[in-house]
Amino acid sequence: MKTRASAFLFLFALLLSSPLLAAWTSVSSAKPLWLAGGSGSSLFAAETGALYASADSGKTWQALAGPGISGPYSVLSFTNNQVWVGTQAQGAAYSGNSGGSWTTSNSGMLNPLTKVAQMINAISTVPASATQLVAAMNSGVYISADGGGTWKTSLQGLPSIAGPLPGTQVTTPVYDVAGAAGGVFAATDTGVYRSNDGGATWAVQGLSGSKVSRLSASGSDVYAVVDGVGLYKYSGSGSWVQLTGIPAVPFTVLAHP
């Protein structure tokens, strides 16, 4: 899956201080918050209130019509040959024709009384499935079994903390999700969690007690950012291994082509 970046960029701050920066070419003066690689030479970019597309590897850009749901946008990804955009309060939308038209995807996300959904932090497909999706949110995850036609909340097995009222518990935020050959992985305040059933149930999968803010996957390999510590890799079995030579400073993006 390609999400949020078109190359394996570990750290924006690292690029700014690197002599390799001289080899990069500026293609736009805009400052998008998210970048997603599509198929072929297509790229997509987003800021909180606008969407853009490029058909020539970023040399030129065009503004896209909005997806028909109110922003601000909170995430952009490209998965299953579809461009997905998540919002802070109105669910998600996707396009199968490079942003030419959009389909709203928030059935089951909106609170029936307030008509507001939780903010979406990430969207991922379930491995080996063309229709199952998982979306990270500020309290648990949303899961869909029909390609985003309908969603439901999934909390079972995810960590919780004390709620605002005495004796209550709330599920902690899920900052990111990534589909790998071994299942779907979720980044939380207390480590990485894994689901083998499309996000219906979850169990801890290492880095316990650590705040994990970013995930990326390729094949059976999963990469995780532990805030203030560094980057770790999990290869489908055994333990997480910290990768050396990477500074323990805040990461702004983690992706794999």
C-alpha atoms as a PDB file:
ATOM      1  CA  MET A   1       0.000   0.000   0.000  1.00  0.00           C
ATOM      2  CA  LYS A   2       1.141   3.513  -0.783  1.00  0.00           C
ATOM      3  CA  THR A   3       0.150   6.050   1.780  1.00  0.00           C
ATOM      4  CA  ARG A   4       1.095   9.627   2.637  1.00  0.00           C
ATOM      5  CA  ALA A   5       4.343   9.624   0.700  1.00  0.00           C
ATOM      6  CA  SER A   6       5.652   8.423  -2.622  1.00  0.00           C
ATOM      7  CA  ALA A   7       9.059   7.363  -1.322  1.00  0.00           C
ATOM      8  CA  PHE A   8      10.449   5.757   1.794  1.00  0.00           C
ATOM      9  CA  LEU A   9      11.131   9.028   3.597  1.00  0.00           C
ATOM     10  CA  PHE A  10      11.879   8.419   7.233  1.00  0.00           C
ATOM     11  CA  LEU A  11      12.099  11.960   8.436  1.00  0.00           C
ATOM     12  CA  PHE A  12      11.423  15.350   6.910  1.00  0.00           C
ATOM     13  CA  ALA A  13      13.751  17.060   9.362  1.00  0.00           C
ATOM     14  CA  LEU A  14      16.543  14.684   8.362  1.00  0.00           C
ATOM     15  CA  LEU A  15      16.121  15.659   4.718  1.00  0.00           C
ATOM     16  CA  LEU A  16      16.341  19.324   5.576  1.00  0.00           C
ATOM     17  CA  SER A  17      19.742  18.845   7.157  1.00  0.00           C
ATOM     18  CA  SER A  18      21.104  16.394   4.601  1.00  0.00           C
ATOM     19  CA  PRO A  19      23.509  17.293   1.768  1.00  0.00           C
ATOM     20  CA  LEU A  20      21.411  14.980  -0.407  1.00  0.00           C
ATOM     21  CA  LEU A  21      18.789  17.708  -0.441  1.00  0.00           C
ATOM     22  CA  ALA A  22      20.736  19.345  -3.257  1.00  0.00           C
ATOM     23  CA  ALA A  23      19.659  16.481  -5.530  1.00  0.00           C
ATOM     24  CA  TRP A  24      15.945  17.209  -5.000  1.00  0.00           C
ATOM     25  CA  THR A  25      13.907  19.294  -7.445  1.00  0.00           C
ATOM     26  CA  SER A  26      11.229  21.708  -6.322  1.00  0.00           C
ATOM     27  CA  VAL A  27       7.975  21.056  -8.183  1.00  0.00           C
ATOM     28  CA  SER A  28       5.548  23.276  -6.302  1.00  0.00           C
ATOM     29  CA  SER A  29       5.507  26.234  -3.940  1.00  0.00           C
ATOM     30  CA  ALA A  30       2.437  24.858  -2.140  1.00  0.00           C
ATOM     31  CA  LYS A  31       2.807  23.267   1.281  1.00  0.00           C
ATOM     32  CA  PRO A  32       0.622  20.110   1.324  1.00  0.00           C
ATOM     33  CA  LEU A  33       0.276  18.203   4.560  1.00  0.00           C
ATOM     34  CA  TRP A  34      -0.083  14.808   2.870  1.00  0.00           C
ATOM     35  CA  LEU A  35       1.347  13.226  -0.256  1.00  0.00           C
ATOM     36  CA  ALA A  36       0.228   9.894  -1.730  1.00  0.00           C
ATOM     37  CA  GLY A  37       1.659   7.964  -4.668  1.00  0.00           C
ATOM     38  CA  GLY A  38      -0.926   6.601  -7.097  1.00  0.00           C
ATOM     39  CA  SER A  39      -0.520   4.227 -10.017  1.00  0.00           C
ATOM     40  CA  GLY A  40       2.126   4.907 -12.655  1.00  0.00           C
ATOM     41  CA  SER A  41       3.275   8.530 -12.560  1.00  0.00           C
ATOM     42  CA  SER A  42       0.253   9.860 -10.679  1.00  0.00           C
ATOM     43  CA  LEU A  43       0.580  11.650  -7.355  1.00  0.00           C
ATOM     44  CA  PHE A  44      -1.977  13.166  -5.006  1.00  0.00           C
ATOM     45  CA  ALA A  45      -1.570  15.871  -2.395  1.00  0.00           C
ATOM     46  CA  ALA A  46      -3.802  17.452   0.216  1.00  0.00           C
ATOM     47  CA  GLU A  47      -3.920  20.210   2.769  1.00  0.00           C
ATOM     48  CA  THR A  48      -6.688  20.651   5.297  1.00  0.00           C
ATOM     49  CA  GLY A  49      -9.016  22.328   2.796  1.00  0.00           C
ATOM     50  CA  ALA A  50      -7.826  21.386  -0.698  1.00  0.00           C
ATOM     51  CA  LEU A  51      -6.862  18.406  -2.865  1.00  0.00           C
ATOM     52  CA  TYR A  52      -4.425  18.246  -5.802  1.00  0.00           C
ATOM     53  CA  ALA A  53      -3.379  15.702  -8.427  1.00  0.00           C
ATOM     54  CA  SER A  54      -0.377  15.287 -10.719  1.00  0.00           C
ATOM     55  CA  ALA A  55      -0.206  12.968 -13.734  1.00  0.00           C
ATOM     56  CA  ASP A  56       3.490  13.559 -14.444  1.00  0.00           C
ATOM     57  CA  SER A  57       5.312  12.603 -11.246  1.00  0.00           C
ATOM     58  CA  GLY A  58       4.760  15.996  -9.651  1.00  0.00           C
ATOM     59  CA  LYS A  59       6.000  18.278 -12.443  1.00  0.00           C
ATOM     60  CA  THR A  60       2.583  19.916 -12.750  1.00  0.00           C
ATOM     61  CA  TRP A  61      -0.430  19.931 -10.420  1.00  0.00           C
ATOM     62  CA  GLN A  62      -4.151  20.518 -10.758  1.00  0.00           C
ATOM     63  CA  ALA A  63      -6.674  21.312  -8.044  1.00  0.00           C
ATOM     64  CA  LEU A  64      -9.346  18.635  -7.576  1.00  0.00           C
ATOM     65  CA  ALA A  65     -13.006  19.199  -6.890  1.00  0.00           C
ATOM     66  CA  GLY A  66     -13.903  18.467  -3.276  1.00  0.00           C
ATOM     67  CA  PRO A  67     -15.329  15.055  -2.356  1.00  0.00           C
ATOM     68  CA  GLY A  68     -18.685  16.437  -1.229  1.00  0.00           C
ATOM     69  CA  ILE A  69     -18.092  16.110   2.504  1.00  0.00           C
ATOM     70  CA  SER A  70     -16.981  19.007   4.648  1.00  0.00           C
ATOM     71  CA  GLY A  71     -13.412  19.079   5.933  1.00  0.00           C
ATOM     72  CA  PRO A  72     -11.017  19.832   7.333  1.00  0.00           C
ATOM     73  CA  TYR A  73      -9.229  16.846   5.831  1.00  0.00           C
ATOM     74  CA  SER A  74      -7.185  14.722   8.193  1.00  0.00           C
ATOM     75  CA  VAL A  75      -5.524  12.057   6.015  1.00  0.00           C
ATOM     76  CA  LEU A  76      -4.859  11.123   2.384  1.00  0.00           C
ATOM     77  CA  SER A  77      -4.017   7.658   1.067  1.00  0.00           C
ATOM     78  CA  PHE A  78      -4.019   5.545  -2.099  1.00  0.00           C
ATOM     79  CA  THR A  79      -5.098   1.940  -1.743  1.00  0.00           C
ATOM     80  CA  ASN A  80      -6.803  -0.643  -3.981  1.00  0.00           C
ATOM     81  CA  ASN A  81      -6.430   1.798  -6.898  1.00  0.00           C
ATOM     82  CA  GLN A  82      -8.543   4.352  -5.064  1.00  0.00           C
ATOM     83  CA  VAL A  83      -7.699   7.732  -3.585  1.00  0.00           C
ATOM     84  CA  TRP A  84      -9.063   8.059  -0.051  1.00  0.00           C
ATOM     85  CA  VAL A  85      -9.436  11.222   2.002  1.00  0.00           C
ATOM     86  CA  GLY A  86     -10.444  11.252   5.660  1.00  0.00           C
ATOM     87  CA  THR A  87     -11.870  14.194   7.567  1.00  0.00           C
ATOM     88  CA  GLN A  88     -11.870  15.467  11.116  1.00  0.00           C
ATOM     89  CA  ALA A  89     -15.604  15.055  11.664  1.00  0.00           C
ATOM     90  CA  GLN A  90     -17.477  13.808   8.570  1.00  0.00           C
ATOM     91  CA  GLY A  91     -15.970  10.426   7.759  1.00  0.00           C
ATOM     92  CA  ALA A  92     -14.248   9.655   4.477  1.00  0.00           C
ATOM     93  CA  ALA A  93     -14.614   9.674   0.693  1.00  0.00           C
ATOM     94  CA  TYR A  94     -12.879   7.878  -2.138  1.00  0.00           C
ATOM     95  CA  SER A  95     -12.313   8.230  -5.857  1.00  0.00           C
ATOM     96  CA  GLY A  96     -11.592   5.506  -8.385  1.00  0.00           C
ATOM     97  CA  ASN A  97     -10.845   7.882 -11.269  1.00  0.00           C
ATOM     98  CA  SER A  98      -8.005  10.038  -9.930  1.00  0.00           C
ATOM     99  CA  GLY A  99     -10.284  12.534  -8.218  1.00  0.00           C
ATOM    100  CA  GLY A 100     -12.644  13.085 -11.147  1.00  0.00           C
ATOM    101  CA  SER A 101     -15.597  12.053  -8.990  1.00  0.00           C
ATOM    102  CA  TRP A 102     -16.002  11.018  -5.371  1.00  0.00           C
ATOM    103  CA  THR A 103     -18.104   8.637  -3.302  1.00  0.00           C
ATOM    104  CA  THR A 104     -18.890   9.548   0.298  1.00  0.00           C
ATOM    105  CA  SER A 105     -17.987   6.778   2.743  1.00  0.00           C
ATOM    106  CA  ASN A 106     -19.317   7.515   6.221  1.00  0.00           C
ATOM    107  CA  SER A 107     -22.322   5.240   6.744  1.00  0.00           C
ATOM    108  CA  GLY A 108     -21.990   3.967  10.308  1.00  0.00           C
ATOM    109  CA  MET A 109     -19.362   6.562  11.223  1.00  0.00           C
ATOM    110  CA  LEU A 110     -21.658   9.468  12.060  1.00  0.00           C
ATOM    111  CA  ASN A 111     -23.136   9.824  15.537  1.00  0.00           C
ATOM    112  CA  PRO A 112     -26.919   9.549  15.017  1.00  0.00           C
ATOM    113  CA  LEU A 113     -27.576  12.548  17.265  1.00  0.00           C
ATOM    114  CA  THR A 114     -24.731  14.931  16.460  1.00  0.00           C
ATOM    115  CA  LYS A 115     -24.102  13.753  12.859  1.00  0.00           C
ATOM    116  CA  VAL A 116     -20.403  13.971  13.656  1.00  0.00           C
ATOM    117  CA  ALA A 117     -17.801  11.236  13.186  1.00  0.00           C
ATOM    118  CA  GLN A 118     -14.518  10.757  14.993  1.00  0.00           C
ATOM    119  CA  MET A 119     -11.436  12.140  13.285  1.00  0.00           C
ATOM    120  CA  ILE A 120      -9.810   9.646  10.922  1.00  0.00           C
ATOM    121  CA  ASN A 121      -6.052   9.319  11.373  1.00  0.00           C
ATOM    122  CA  ALA A 122      -5.295   6.656   8.735  1.00  0.00           C
ATOM    123  CA  ILE A 123      -6.956   4.249   6.301  1.00  0.00           C
ATOM    124  CA  SER A 124      -5.623   0.838   5.268  1.00  0.00           C
ATOM    125  CA  THR A 125      -6.814  -2.210   3.371  1.00  0.00           C
ATOM    126  CA  VAL A 126      -6.846  -5.643   4.952  1.00  0.00           C
ATOM    127  CA  PRO A 127      -4.238  -7.895   3.262  1.00  0.00           C
ATOM    128  CA  ALA A 128      -5.543 -10.297   0.611  1.00  0.00           C
ATOM    129  CA  SER A 129      -8.934  -8.580   0.575  1.00  0.00           C
ATOM    130  CA  ALA A 130     -10.340  -6.186  -2.018  1.00  0.00           C
ATOM    131  CA  THR A 131     -13.223  -5.044   0.188  1.00  0.00           C
ATOM    132  CA  GLN A 132     -12.074  -4.975   3.831  1.00  0.00           C
ATOM    133  CA  LEU A 133     -10.812  -1.659   5.213  1.00  0.00           C
ATOM    134  CA  VAL A 134      -9.639  -0.380   8.590  1.00  0.00           C
ATOM    135  CA  ALA A 135      -9.593   3.297   9.593  1.00  0.00           C
ATOM    136  CA  ALA A 136      -7.708   4.549  12.638  1.00  0.00           C
ATOM    137  CA  MET A 137      -9.613   7.047  14.763  1.00  0.00           C
ATOM    138  CA  ASN A 138      -9.234   8.933  18.027  1.00  0.00           C
ATOM    139  CA  SER A 139     -10.867   6.123  20.011  1.00  0.00           C
ATOM    140  CA  GLY A 140     -10.397   2.709  18.424  1.00  0.00           C
ATOM    141  CA  VAL A 141     -10.929   1.918  14.754  1.00  0.00           C
ATOM    142  CA  TYR A 142     -13.670   1.808  12.159  1.00  0.00           C
ATOM    143  CA  ILE A 143     -13.857  -1.345  10.026  1.00  0.00           C
ATOM    144  CA  SER A 144     -15.631  -1.971   6.733  1.00  0.00           C
ATOM    145  CA  ALA A 145     -16.322  -5.297   5.036  1.00  0.00           C
ATOM    146  CA  ASP A 146     -17.808  -3.849   1.846  1.00  0.00           C
ATOM    147  CA  GLY A 147     -15.201  -1.489   0.471  1.00  0.00           C
ATOM    148  CA  GLY A 148     -16.333   1.485   2.536  1.00  0.00           C
ATOM    149  CA  GLY A 149     -20.048   1.146   1.868  1.00  0.00           C
ATOM    150  CA  THR A 150     -20.714   0.776   5.582  1.00  0.00           C
ATOM    151  CA  TRP A 151     -18.556   1.042   8.703  1.00  0.00           C
ATOM    152  CA  LYS A 152     -18.735  -0.029  12.318  1.00  0.00           C
ATOM    153  CA  THR A 153     -16.653   0.725  15.379  1.00  0.00           C
ATOM    154  CA  SER A 154     -14.203  -1.919  16.575  1.00  0.00           C
ATOM    155  CA  LEU A 155     -12.715  -1.719  20.065  1.00  0.00           C
ATOM    156  CA  GLN A 156     -12.292  -5.308  21.279  1.00  0.00           C
ATOM    157  CA  GLY A 157      -8.775  -5.917  22.549  1.00  0.00           C
ATOM    158  CA  LEU A 158      -7.511  -2.359  22.063  1.00  0.00           C
ATOM    159  CA  PRO A 159      -6.101  -0.576  25.146  1.00  0.00           C
ATOM    160  CA  SER A 160      -8.238   1.757  27.247  1.00  0.00           C
ATOM    161  CA  ILE A 161      -7.709   4.521  29.794  1.00  0.00           C
ATOM    162  CA  ALA A 162      -9.849   6.125  32.491  1.00  0.00           C
ATOM    163  CA  GLY A 163     -12.757   8.069  31.016  1.00  0.00           C
ATOM    164  CA  PRO A 164     -14.018  11.544  31.903  1.00  0.00           C
ATOM    165  CA  LEU A 165     -16.545  10.157  34.413  1.00  0.00           C
ATOM    166  CA  PRO A 166     -15.657   8.093  37.492  1.00  0.00           C
ATOM    167  CA  GLY A 167     -15.588   4.385  36.765  1.00  0.00           C
ATOM    168  CA  THR A 168     -15.603   4.774  32.987  1.00  0.00           C
ATOM    169  CA  GLN A 169     -13.082   3.644  30.407  1.00  0.00           C
ATOM    170  CA  VAL A 170     -12.394   4.941  26.902  1.00  0.00           C
ATOM    171  CA  THR A 171     -10.318   3.351  24.161  1.00  0.00           C
ATOM    172  CA  THR A 172      -7.042   5.133  23.534  1.00  0.00           C
ATOM    173  CA  PRO A 173      -6.377   6.840  20.192  1.00  0.00           C
ATOM    174  CA  VAL A 174      -5.168   4.761  17.267  1.00  0.00           C
ATOM    175  CA  TYR A 175      -2.674   6.932  15.405  1.00  0.00           C
ATOM    176  CA  ASP A 176      -2.020   4.730  12.392  1.00  0.00           C
ATOM    177  CA  VAL A 177      -2.938   1.396  10.793  1.00  0.00           C
ATOM    178  CA  ALA A 178      -1.030  -0.704   8.274  1.00  0.00           C
ATOM    179  CA  GLY A 179      -1.894  -3.932   6.488  1.00  0.00           C
ATOM    180  CA  ALA A 180       0.882  -6.524   6.220  1.00  0.00           C
ATOM    181  CA  ALA A 181       1.044 -10.141   5.129  1.00  0.00           C
ATOM    182  CA  GLY A 182       0.532 -11.173   8.746  1.00  0.00           C
ATOM    183  CA  GLY A 183      -2.534  -9.065   9.472  1.00  0.00           C
ATOM    184  CA  VAL A 184      -3.475  -5.482  10.256  1.00  0.00           C
ATOM    185  CA  PHE A 185      -1.370  -3.494  12.737  1.00  0.00           C
ATOM    186  CA  ALA A 186      -2.425  -0.505  14.844  1.00  0.00           C
ATOM    187  CA  ALA A 187      -0.277   2.160  16.521  1.00  0.00           C
ATOM    188  CA  THR A 188      -1.368   3.231  20.013  1.00  0.00           C
ATOM    189  CA  ASP A 189      -0.118   4.971  23.143  1.00  0.00           C
ATOM    190  CA  THR A 190       0.800   1.596  24.655  1.00  0.00           C
ATOM    191  CA  GLY A 191       2.419  -0.271  21.777  1.00  0.00           C
ATOM    192  CA  VAL A 192       1.459  -2.038  18.563  1.00  0.00           C
ATOM    193  CA  TYR A 193      -1.690  -4.139  18.280  1.00  0.00           C
ATOM    194  CA  ARG A 194      -2.498  -6.729  15.634  1.00  0.00           C
ATOM    195  CA  SER A 195      -5.703  -8.112  14.150  1.00  0.00           C
ATOM    196  CA  ASN A 196      -5.980 -11.354  12.200  1.00  0.00           C
ATOM    197  CA  ASP A 197      -9.712 -11.002  11.488  1.00  0.00           C
ATOM    198  CA  GLY A 198     -10.013  -7.765   9.552  1.00  0.00           C
ATOM    199  CA  GLY A 199      -9.959  -5.518  12.599  1.00  0.00           C
ATOM    200  CA  ALA A 200     -12.795  -7.176  14.531  1.00  0.00           C
ATOM    201  CA  THR A 201     -10.525  -8.141  17.435  1.00  0.00           C
ATOM    202  CA  TRP A 202      -7.050  -7.027  18.476  1.00  0.00           C
ATOM    203  CA  ALA A 203      -4.129  -8.287  20.574  1.00  0.00           C
ATOM    204  CA  VAL A 204      -0.864  -6.683  21.614  1.00  0.00           C
ATOM    205  CA  GLN A 205       2.009  -7.261  19.170  1.00  0.00           C
ATOM    206  CA  GLY A 206       5.003  -5.808  20.950  1.00  0.00           C
ATOM    207  CA  LEU A 207       6.587  -2.471  21.879  1.00  0.00           C
ATOM    208  CA  SER A 208       4.356  -2.556  24.964  1.00  0.00           C
ATOM    209  CA  GLY A 209       4.325   0.610  27.041  1.00  0.00           C
ATOM    210  CA  SER A 210       5.664   2.740  24.183  1.00  0.00           C
ATOM    211  CA  LYS A 211       3.815   5.427  22.266  1.00  0.00           C
ATOM    212  CA  VAL A 212       3.842   4.325  18.629  1.00  0.00           C
ATOM    213  CA  SER A 213       2.818   7.135  16.290  1.00  0.00           C
ATOM    214  CA  ARG A 214       3.549   5.832  12.770  1.00  0.00           C
ATOM    215  CA  LEU A 215       3.382   2.500  10.940  1.00  0.00           C
ATOM    216  CA  SER A 216       4.284   1.334   7.450  1.00  0.00           C
ATOM    217  CA  ALA A 217       4.288  -2.128   5.899  1.00  0.00           C
ATOM    218  CA  SER A 218       5.729  -3.956   2.902  1.00  0.00           C
ATOM    219  CA  GLY A 219       5.034  -7.656   2.487  1.00  0.00           C
ATOM    220  CA  SER A 220       5.466  -9.215   5.911  1.00  0.00           C
ATOM    221  CA  ASP A 221       7.697  -6.389   7.176  1.00  0.00           C
ATOM    222  CA  VAL A 222       6.198  -3.750   9.477  1.00  0.00           C
ATOM    223  CA  TYR A 223       7.977  -0.546  10.516  1.00  0.00           C
ATOM    224  CA  ALA A 224       6.998   1.401  13.619  1.00  0.00           C
ATOM    225  CA  VAL A 225       8.016   4.793  14.980  1.00  0.00           C
ATOM    226  CA  VAL A 226       8.360   4.883  18.767  1.00  0.00           C
ATOM    227  CA  ASP A 227       8.197   8.504  19.846  1.00  0.00           C
ATOM    228  CA  GLY A 228      11.433   9.723  21.365  1.00  0.00           C
ATOM    229  CA  VAL A 229      13.214   6.419  20.716  1.00  0.00           C
ATOM    230  CA  GLY A 230      13.444   5.664  16.990  1.00  0.00           C
ATOM    231  CA  LEU A 231      12.383   3.273  14.250  1.00  0.00           C
ATOM    232  CA  TYR A 232      11.669  -0.446  14.712  1.00  0.00           C
ATOM    233  CA  LYS A 233      11.103  -3.333  12.304  1.00  0.00           C
ATOM    234  CA  TYR A 234       9.024  -6.478  12.705  1.00  0.00           C
ATOM    235  CA  SER A 235       9.484  -9.237  10.116  1.00  0.00           C
ATOM    236  CA  GLY A 236       6.412 -11.356  10.719  1.00  0.00           C
ATOM    237  CA  SER A 237       7.746 -13.337  13.672  1.00  0.00           C
ATOM    238  CA  GLY A 238       9.993 -12.875  16.671  1.00  0.00           C
ATOM    239  CA  SER A 239      10.661  -9.508  18.273  1.00  0.00           C
ATOM    240  CA  TRP A 240      10.806  -5.942  17.043  1.00  0.00           C
ATOM    241  CA  VAL A 241      14.321  -4.813  16.153  1.00  0.00           C
ATOM    242  CA  GLN A 242      15.423  -1.206  16.440  1.00  0.00           C
ATOM    243  CA  LEU A 243      17.047   0.131  13.280  1.00  0.00           C
ATOM    244  CA  THR A 244      20.287   1.974  13.891  1.00  0.00           C
ATOM    245  CA  GLY A 245      21.555   5.210  12.424  1.00  0.00           C
ATOM    246  CA  ILE A 246      18.217   7.019  12.674  1.00  0.00           C
ATOM    247  CA  PRO A 247      17.919   9.905  15.180  1.00  0.00           C
ATOM    248  CA  ALA A 248      15.286   9.733  17.911  1.00  0.00           C
ATOM    249  CA  VAL A 249      13.518  12.934  16.908  1.00  0.00           C
ATOM    250  CA  PRO A 250       9.861  13.466  15.932  1.00  0.00           C
ATOM    251  CA  PHE A 251       8.900  11.765  12.666  1.00  0.00           C
ATOM    252  CA  THR A 252       6.483  13.563  10.362  1.00  0.00           C
ATOM    253  CA  VAL A 253       5.899  10.745   7.866  1.00  0.00           C
ATOM    254  CA  LEU A 254       6.657   7.056   7.439  1.00  0.00           C
ATOM    255  CA  ALA A 255       5.782   5.222   4.231  1.00  0.00           C
ATOM    256  CA  HIS A 256       6.869   2.460   1.905  1.00  0.00           C
ATOM    257  CA  PRO A 257       6.433   2.510  -1.881  1.00  0.00           C
END
